[in-house]
Amino acid sequence: MHRHRSEYWVVVAGRARIHYGDESHDLEVNESTYHGKEVIHALKNSGDIPLEIIEVQVGSYLGEDDIVRFDDIYGRNS
């Protein structure tokens, strides 16, 4: 989640599984989603080809230190 920014995600290639709050759904090519600030969200490749997205960040602060991680399978620091 982010405290200061919202995000738009647009799928350019592949299929995305989007987790937003308590909801999950798949997005196909040319579909998009909006994630408001302070809502837990995640993205996963749910297809067989590489997932490519465009992410647009909107908010008063866009620094990478605005990321709050709750569970990270890659072992990154929050």
PDB file of N, CA and C in Angstrom:
ATOM      1  N   MET A   1       0.845  -1.170   0.000  1.00  0.00           N
ATOM      2  CA  MET A   1       0.000   0.000   0.000  1.00  0.00           C
ATOM      3  C   MET A   1       0.887   1.228   0.000  1.00  0.00           C
ATOM      4  N   HIS A   2       0.296   2.343  -0.272  1.00  0.00           N
ATOM      5  CA  HIS A   2       1.021   3.617  -0.265  1.00  0.00           C
ATOM      6  C   HIS A   2       0.232   4.631   0.552  1.00  0.00           C
ATOM      7  N   ARG A   3       0.919   5.467   1.252  1.00  0.00           N
ATOM      8  CA  ARG A   3       0.260   6.495   2.058  1.00  0.00           C
ATOM      9  C   ARG A   3      -0.012   7.775   1.264  1.00  0.00           C
ATOM     10  N   HIS A   4       0.797   8.025   0.209  1.00  0.00           N
ATOM     11  CA  HIS A   4       0.713   9.309  -0.478  1.00  0.00           C
ATOM     12  C   HIS A   4       0.341   9.227  -1.949  1.00  0.00           C
ATOM     13  N   ARG A   5       0.199   8.049  -2.499  1.00  0.00           N
ATOM     14  CA  ARG A   5      -0.089   7.971  -3.931  1.00  0.00           C
ATOM     15  C   ARG A   5      -1.130   6.910  -4.257  1.00  0.00           C
ATOM     16  N   SER A   6      -1.790   7.131  -5.371  1.00  0.00           N
ATOM     17  CA  SER A   6      -2.694   6.164  -5.986  1.00  0.00           C
ATOM     18  C   SER A   6      -2.020   5.679  -7.259  1.00  0.00           C
ATOM     19  N   GLU A   7      -2.503   4.566  -7.815  1.00  0.00           N
ATOM     20  CA  GLU A   7      -1.889   4.026  -9.030  1.00  0.00           C
ATOM     21  C   GLU A   7      -2.945   3.542 -10.010  1.00  0.00           C
ATOM     22  N   TYR A   8      -2.639   3.708 -11.279  1.00  0.00           N
ATOM     23  CA  TYR A   8      -3.380   3.090 -12.373  1.00  0.00           C
ATOM     24  C   TYR A   8      -2.473   2.035 -12.975  1.00  0.00           C
ATOM     25  N   TRP A   9      -2.998   0.847 -13.221  1.00  0.00           N
ATOM     26  CA  TRP A   9      -2.252  -0.207 -13.904  1.00  0.00           C
ATOM     27  C   TRP A   9      -2.991  -0.558 -15.184  1.00  0.00           C
ATOM     28  N   VAL A  10      -2.267  -0.600 -16.304  1.00  0.00           N
ATOM     29  CA  VAL A  10      -2.826  -0.993 -17.597  1.00  0.00           C
ATOM     30  C   VAL A  10      -2.039  -2.201 -18.097  1.00  0.00           C
ATOM     31  N   VAL A  11      -2.730  -3.278 -18.442  1.00  0.00           N
ATOM     32  CA  VAL A  11      -2.055  -4.478 -18.942  1.00  0.00           C
ATOM     33  C   VAL A  11      -1.743  -4.291 -20.422  1.00  0.00           C
ATOM     34  N   VAL A  12      -0.469  -4.430 -20.773  1.00  0.00           N
ATOM     35  CA  VAL A  12      -0.001  -4.280 -22.148  1.00  0.00           C
ATOM     36  C   VAL A  12       0.189  -5.650 -22.799  1.00  0.00           C
ATOM     37  N   ALA A  13       0.624  -6.638 -22.013  1.00  0.00           N
ATOM     38  CA  ALA A  13       0.808  -8.004 -22.515  1.00  0.00           C
ATOM     39  C   ALA A  13       0.604  -8.968 -21.361  1.00  0.00           C
ATOM     40  N   GLY A  14       0.048 -10.135 -21.658  1.00  0.00           N
ATOM     41  CA  GLY A  14      -0.160 -11.150 -20.641  1.00  0.00           C
ATOM     42  C   GLY A  14      -1.494 -10.989 -19.924  1.00  0.00           C
ATOM     43  N   ARG A  15      -1.576 -11.629 -18.772  1.00  0.00           N
ATOM     44  CA  ARG A  15      -2.776 -11.569 -17.924  1.00  0.00           C
ATOM     45  C   ARG A  15      -2.332 -11.317 -16.491  1.00  0.00           C
ATOM     46  N   ALA A  16      -3.012 -10.401 -15.817  1.00  0.00           N
ATOM     47  CA  ALA A  16      -2.663 -10.042 -14.446  1.00  0.00           C
ATOM     48  C   ALA A  16      -3.740 -10.484 -13.477  1.00  0.00           C
ATOM     49  N   ARG A  17      -3.325 -11.005 -12.341  1.00  0.00           N
ATOM     50  CA  ARG A  17      -4.236 -11.237 -11.219  1.00  0.00           C
ATOM     51  C   ARG A  17      -4.015 -10.065 -10.261  1.00  0.00           C
ATOM     52  N   ILE A  18      -5.064  -9.301 -10.027  1.00  0.00           N
ATOM     53  CA  ILE A  18      -5.009  -8.110  -9.189  1.00  0.00           C
ATOM     54  C   ILE A  18      -5.660  -8.420  -7.853  1.00  0.00           C
ATOM     55  N   HIS A  19      -4.985  -8.072  -6.776  1.00  0.00           N
ATOM     56  CA  HIS A  19      -5.544  -8.167  -5.430  1.00  0.00           C
ATOM     57  C   HIS A  19      -5.687  -6.739  -4.926  1.00  0.00           C
ATOM     58  N   TYR A  20      -6.901  -6.366  -4.550  1.00  0.00           N
ATOM     59  CA  TYR A  20      -7.197  -5.010  -4.107  1.00  0.00           C
ATOM     60  C   TYR A  20      -8.111  -5.098  -2.894  1.00  0.00           C
ATOM     61  N   GLY A  21      -7.573  -4.777  -1.715  1.00  0.00           N
ATOM     62  CA  GLY A  21      -8.353  -4.964  -0.499  1.00  0.00           C
ATOM     63  C   GLY A  21      -8.683  -6.440  -0.346  1.00  0.00           C
ATOM     64  N   ASP A  22      -9.960  -6.761  -0.219  1.00  0.00           N
ATOM     65  CA  ASP A  22     -10.402  -8.154  -0.084  1.00  0.00           C
ATOM     66  C   ASP A  22     -10.819  -8.778  -1.402  1.00  0.00           C
ATOM     67  N   GLU A  23     -10.661  -8.065  -2.509  1.00  0.00           N
ATOM     68  CA  GLU A  23     -11.109  -8.539  -3.819  1.00  0.00           C
ATOM     69  C   GLU A  23      -9.933  -8.976  -4.685  1.00  0.00           C
ATOM     70  N   SER A  24     -10.207  -9.920  -5.603  1.00  0.00           N
ATOM     71  CA  SER A  24      -9.231 -10.346  -6.609  1.00  0.00           C
ATOM     72  C   SER A  24      -9.952 -10.510  -7.935  1.00  0.00           C
ATOM     73  N   HIS A  25      -9.270 -10.136  -9.023  1.00  0.00           N
ATOM     74  CA  HIS A  25      -9.814 -10.373 -10.352  1.00  0.00           C
ATOM     75  C   HIS A  25      -8.691 -10.358 -11.375  1.00  0.00           C
ATOM     76  N   ASP A  26      -8.963 -10.896 -12.557  1.00  0.00           N
ATOM     77  CA  ASP A  26      -7.971 -10.943 -13.631  1.00  0.00           C
ATOM     78  C   ASP A  26      -8.194  -9.794 -14.599  1.00  0.00           C
ATOM     79  N   LEU A  27      -7.097  -9.283 -15.133  1.00  0.00           N
ATOM     80  CA  LEU A  27      -7.135  -8.274 -16.189  1.00  0.00           C
ATOM     81  C   LEU A  27      -6.436  -8.816 -17.416  1.00  0.00           C
ATOM     82  N   GLU A  28      -7.020  -8.576 -18.570  1.00  0.00           N
ATOM     83  CA  GLU A  28      -6.458  -8.976 -19.861  1.00  0.00           C
ATOM     84  C   GLU A  28      -5.822  -7.747 -20.521  1.00  0.00           C
ATOM     85  N   VAL A  29      -5.215  -7.947 -21.680  1.00  0.00           N
ATOM     86  CA  VAL A  29      -4.601  -6.861 -22.442  1.00  0.00           C
ATOM     87  C   VAL A  29      -5.627  -5.756 -22.691  1.00  0.00           C
ATOM     88  N   ASN A  30      -5.200  -4.518 -22.532  1.00  0.00           N
ATOM     89  CA  ASN A  30      -5.999  -3.298 -22.706  1.00  0.00           C
ATOM     90  C   ASN A  30      -7.008  -3.059 -21.590  1.00  0.00           C
ATOM     91  N   GLU A  31      -6.969  -3.830 -20.523  1.00  0.00           N
ATOM     92  CA  GLU A  31      -7.816  -3.561 -19.364  1.00  0.00           C
ATOM     93  C   GLU A  31      -6.972  -2.883 -18.289  1.00  0.00           C
ATOM     94  N   SER A  32      -7.638  -2.127 -17.417  1.00  0.00           N
ATOM     95  CA  SER A  32      -6.898  -1.366 -16.412  1.00  0.00           C
ATOM     96  C   SER A  32      -7.622  -1.384 -15.078  1.00  0.00           C
ATOM     97  N   THR A  33      -6.919  -0.933 -14.053  1.00  0.00           N
ATOM     98  CA  THR A  33      -7.481  -0.831 -12.714  1.00  0.00           C
ATOM     99  C   THR A  33      -6.886   0.376 -12.018  1.00  0.00           C
ATOM    100  N   TYR A  34      -7.602   0.873 -11.034  1.00  0.00           N
ATOM    101  CA  TYR A  34      -7.171   2.014 -10.223  1.00  0.00           C
ATOM    102  C   TYR A  34      -7.053   1.557  -8.779  1.00  0.00           C
ATOM    103  N   HIS A  35      -5.968   1.944  -8.114  1.00  0.00           N
ATOM    104  CA  HIS A  35      -5.752   1.599  -6.707  1.00  0.00           C
ATOM    105  C   HIS A  35      -5.602   2.884  -5.913  1.00  0.00           C
ATOM    106  N   GLY A  36      -6.542   3.142  -5.037  1.00  0.00           N
ATOM    107  CA  GLY A  36      -6.466   4.327  -4.190  1.00  0.00           C
ATOM    108  C   GLY A  36      -5.390   4.196  -3.134  1.00  0.00           C
ATOM    109  N   LYS A  37      -4.937   5.328  -2.630  1.00  0.00           N
ATOM    110  CA  LYS A  37      -3.919   5.291  -1.574  1.00  0.00           C
ATOM    111  C   LYS A  37      -4.496   4.652  -0.321  1.00  0.00           C
ATOM    112  N   GLU A  38      -3.605   4.051   0.452  1.00  0.00           N
ATOM    113  CA  GLU A  38      -3.898   3.388   1.713  1.00  0.00           C
ATOM    114  C   GLU A  38      -4.786   2.147   1.581  1.00  0.00           C
ATOM    115  N   VAL A  39      -4.854   1.565   0.384  1.00  0.00           N
ATOM    116  CA  VAL A  39      -5.547   0.290   0.187  1.00  0.00           C
ATOM    117  C   VAL A  39      -4.488  -0.751  -0.198  1.00  0.00           C
ATOM    118  N   ILE A  40      -4.489  -1.881   0.498  1.00  0.00           N
ATOM    119  CA  ILE A  40      -3.521  -2.943   0.202  1.00  0.00           C
ATOM    120  C   ILE A  40      -3.807  -3.504  -1.188  1.00  0.00           C
ATOM    121  N   HIS A  41      -2.763  -3.600  -2.012  1.00  0.00           N
ATOM    122  CA  HIS A  41      -2.923  -4.122  -3.367  1.00  0.00           C
ATOM    123  C   HIS A  41      -1.686  -4.913  -3.773  1.00  0.00           C
ATOM    124  N   ALA A  42      -1.889  -5.814  -4.735  1.00  0.00           N
ATOM    125  CA  ALA A  42      -0.794  -6.647  -5.232  1.00  0.00           C
ATOM    126  C   ALA A  42      -1.100  -7.057  -6.664  1.00  0.00           C
ATOM    127  N   LEU A  43      -0.072  -7.490  -7.352  1.00  0.00           N
ATOM    128  CA  LEU A  43      -0.152  -7.850  -8.762  1.00  0.00           C
ATOM    129  C   LEU A  43       0.606  -9.148  -8.969  1.00  0.00           C
ATOM    130  N   LYS A  44       0.057 -10.027  -9.811  1.00  0.00           N
ATOM    131  CA  LYS A  44       0.705 -11.310 -10.088  1.00  0.00           C
ATOM    132  C   LYS A  44       0.446 -11.689 -11.538  1.00  0.00           C
ATOM    133  N   ASN A  45       1.421 -12.309 -12.179  1.00  0.00           N
ATOM    134  CA  ASN A  45       1.241 -12.836 -13.526  1.00  0.00           C
ATOM    135  C   ASN A  45       0.406 -14.110 -13.429  1.00  0.00           C
ATOM    136  N   SER A  46      -0.795 -14.099 -14.005  1.00  0.00           N
ATOM    137  CA  SER A  46      -1.649 -15.288 -13.942  1.00  0.00           C
ATOM    138  C   SER A  46      -1.714 -16.023 -15.276  1.00  0.00           C
ATOM    139  N   GLY A  47      -0.838 -15.656 -16.203  1.00  0.00           N
ATOM    140  CA  GLY A  47      -0.822 -16.295 -17.512  1.00  0.00           C
ATOM    141  C   GLY A  47       0.468 -17.037 -17.792  1.00  0.00           C
ATOM    142  N   ASP A  48       0.613 -17.476 -19.047  1.00  0.00           N
ATOM    143  CA  ASP A  48       1.788 -18.252 -19.454  1.00  0.00           C
ATOM    144  C   ASP A  48       2.879 -17.422 -20.116  1.00  0.00           C
ATOM    145  N   ILE A  49       2.584 -16.168 -20.473  1.00  0.00           N
ATOM    146  CA  ILE A  49       3.588 -15.305 -21.094  1.00  0.00           C
ATOM    147  C   ILE A  49       3.946 -14.191 -20.121  1.00  0.00           C
ATOM    148  N   PRO A  50       5.093 -13.531 -20.331  1.00  0.00           N
ATOM    149  CA  PRO A  50       5.477 -12.452 -19.429  1.00  0.00           C
ATOM    150  C   PRO A  50       4.395 -11.368 -19.351  1.00  0.00           C
ATOM    151  N   LEU A  51       4.169 -10.888 -18.141  1.00  0.00           N
ATOM    152  CA  LEU A  51       3.206  -9.816 -17.901  1.00  0.00           C
ATOM    153  C   LEU A  51       3.901  -8.477 -18.072  1.00  0.00           C
ATOM    154  N   GLU A  52       3.296  -7.606 -18.855  1.00  0.00           N
ATOM    155  CA  GLU A  52       3.798  -6.240 -19.011  1.00  0.00           C
ATOM    156  C   GLU A  52       2.670  -5.288 -18.672  1.00  0.00           C
ATOM    157  N   ILE A  53       2.975  -4.314 -17.799  1.00  0.00           N
ATOM    158  CA  ILE A  53       1.978  -3.315 -17.441  1.00  0.00           C
ATOM    159  C   ILE A  53       2.576  -1.925 -17.563  1.00  0.00           C
ATOM    160  N   ILE A  54       1.711  -0.959 -17.662  1.00  0.00           N
ATOM    161  CA  ILE A  54       2.081   0.452 -17.504  1.00  0.00           C
ATOM    162  C   ILE A  54       1.508   0.880 -16.162  1.00  0.00           C
ATOM    163  N   GLU A  55       2.340   1.491 -15.340  1.00  0.00           N
ATOM    164  CA  GLU A  55       1.885   1.989 -14.044  1.00  0.00           C
ATOM    165  C   GLU A  55       1.970   3.503 -14.050  1.00  0.00           C
ATOM    166  N   VAL A  56       0.880   4.151 -13.711  1.00  0.00           N
ATOM    167  CA  VAL A  56       0.843   5.611 -13.584  1.00  0.00           C
ATOM    168  C   VAL A  56       0.607   5.923 -12.119  1.00  0.00           C
ATOM    169  N   GLN A  57       1.522   6.687 -11.530  1.00  0.00           N
ATOM    170  CA  GLN A  57       1.432   7.048 -10.119  1.00  0.00           C
ATOM    171  C   GLN A  57       0.931   8.475  -9.990  1.00  0.00           C
ATOM    172  N   VAL A  58      -0.038   8.683  -9.084  1.00  0.00           N
ATOM    173  CA  VAL A  58      -0.637  10.000  -8.888  1.00  0.00           C
ATOM    174  C   VAL A  58      -0.669  10.294  -7.390  1.00  0.00           C
ATOM    175  N   GLY A  59      -0.138  11.449  -6.988  1.00  0.00           N
ATOM    176  CA  GLY A  59      -0.202  11.803  -5.575  1.00  0.00           C
ATOM    177  C   GLY A  59       0.754  12.915  -5.211  1.00  0.00           C
ATOM    178  N   SER A  60       0.731  13.261  -3.946  1.00  0.00           N
ATOM    179  CA  SER A  60       1.556  14.364  -3.454  1.00  0.00           C
ATOM    180  C   SER A  60       3.025  13.983  -3.296  1.00  0.00           C
ATOM    181  N   TYR A  61       3.308  12.674  -3.205  1.00  0.00           N
ATOM    182  CA  TYR A  61       4.678  12.192  -3.068  1.00  0.00           C
ATOM    183  C   TYR A  61       4.781  10.847  -3.770  1.00  0.00           C
ATOM    184  N   LEU A  62       5.785  10.681  -4.650  1.00  0.00           N
ATOM    185  CA  LEU A  62       5.909   9.476  -5.460  1.00  0.00           C
ATOM    186  C   LEU A  62       7.175   8.672  -5.173  1.00  0.00           C
ATOM    187  N   GLY A  63       7.853   8.949  -4.074  1.00  0.00           N
ATOM    188  CA  GLY A  63       9.096   8.251  -3.743  1.00  0.00           C
ATOM    189  C   GLY A  63       8.877   6.779  -3.437  1.00  0.00           C
ATOM    190  N   GLU A  64       9.885   5.971  -3.723  1.00  0.00           N
ATOM    191  CA  GLU A  64       9.804   4.527  -3.482  1.00  0.00           C
ATOM    192  C   GLU A  64       9.705   4.196  -1.995  1.00  0.00           C
ATOM    193  N   ASP A  65      10.091   5.124  -1.120  1.00  0.00           N
ATOM    194  CA  ASP A  65       9.974   4.857   0.313  1.00  0.00           C
ATOM    195  C   ASP A  65       8.534   5.017   0.812  1.00  0.00           C
ATOM    196  N   ASP A  66       7.594   5.280  -0.088  1.00  0.00           N
ATOM    197  CA  ASP A  66       6.171   5.352   0.256  1.00  0.00           C
ATOM    198  C   ASP A  66       5.516   3.970   0.167  1.00  0.00           C
ATOM    199  N   ILE A  67       6.294   2.935  -0.108  1.00  0.00           N
ATOM    200  CA  ILE A  67       5.758   1.577  -0.206  1.00  0.00           C
ATOM    201  C   ILE A  67       5.719   0.951   1.184  1.00  0.00           C
ATOM    202  N   VAL A  68       4.533   0.452   1.568  1.00  0.00           N
ATOM    203  CA  VAL A  68       4.366  -0.283   2.817  1.00  0.00           C
ATOM    204  C   VAL A  68       4.117  -1.731   2.434  1.00  0.00           C
ATOM    205  N   ARG A  69       5.039  -2.635   2.806  1.00  0.00           N
ATOM    206  CA  ARG A  69       4.910  -4.055   2.456  1.00  0.00           C
ATOM    207  C   ARG A  69       4.377  -4.834   3.656  1.00  0.00           C
ATOM    208  N   PHE A  70       3.413  -5.703   3.403  1.00  0.00           N
ATOM    209  CA  PHE A  70       2.835  -6.530   4.448  1.00  0.00           C
ATOM    210  C   PHE A  70       3.322  -7.966   4.347  1.00  0.00           C
ATOM    211  N   ASP A  71       3.531  -8.437   3.126  1.00  0.00           N
ATOM    212  CA  ASP A  71       4.023  -9.793   2.881  1.00  0.00           C
ATOM    213  C   ASP A  71       4.781  -9.733   1.564  1.00  0.00           C
ATOM    214  N   ASP A  72       6.027 -10.178   1.553  1.00  0.00           N
ATOM    215  CA  ASP A  72       6.838 -10.044   0.353  1.00  0.00           C
ATOM    216  C   ASP A  72       7.593 -11.346   0.110  1.00  0.00           C
ATOM    217  N   ILE A  73       7.186 -12.098  -0.914  1.00  0.00           N
ATOM    218  CA  ILE A  73       7.829 -13.378  -1.226  1.00  0.00           C
ATOM    219  C   ILE A  73       9.243 -13.200  -1.767  1.00  0.00           C
ATOM    220  N   TYR A  74       9.626 -11.957  -2.110  1.00  0.00           N
ATOM    221  CA  TYR A  74      10.957 -11.699  -2.662  1.00  0.00           C
ATOM    222  C   TYR A  74      11.967 -11.250  -1.610  1.00  0.00           C
ATOM    223  N   GLY A  75      11.533 -11.085  -0.364  1.00  0.00           N
ATOM    224  CA  GLY A  75      12.453 -10.735   0.720  1.00  0.00           C
ATOM    225  C   GLY A  75      12.934  -9.301   0.700  1.00  0.00           C
ATOM    226  N   ARG A  76      12.202  -8.398   0.025  1.00  0.00           N
ATOM    227  CA  ARG A  76      12.595  -6.991   0.004  1.00  0.00           C
ATOM    228  C   ARG A  76      12.245  -6.342   1.328  1.00  0.00           C
ATOM    229  N   ASN A  77      12.989  -5.299   1.676  1.00  0.00           N
ATOM    230  CA  ASN A  77      12.690  -4.527   2.878  1.00  0.00           C
ATOM    231  C   ASN A  77      11.488  -3.623   2.595  1.00  0.00           C
ATOM    232  N   SER A  78      10.750  -3.280   3.642  1.00  0.00           N
ATOM    233  CA  SER A  78       9.599  -2.389   3.455  1.00  0.00           C
ATOM    234  C   SER A  78      10.049  -1.006   3.288  1.00  0.00           C
TER     235      SER A  78
END
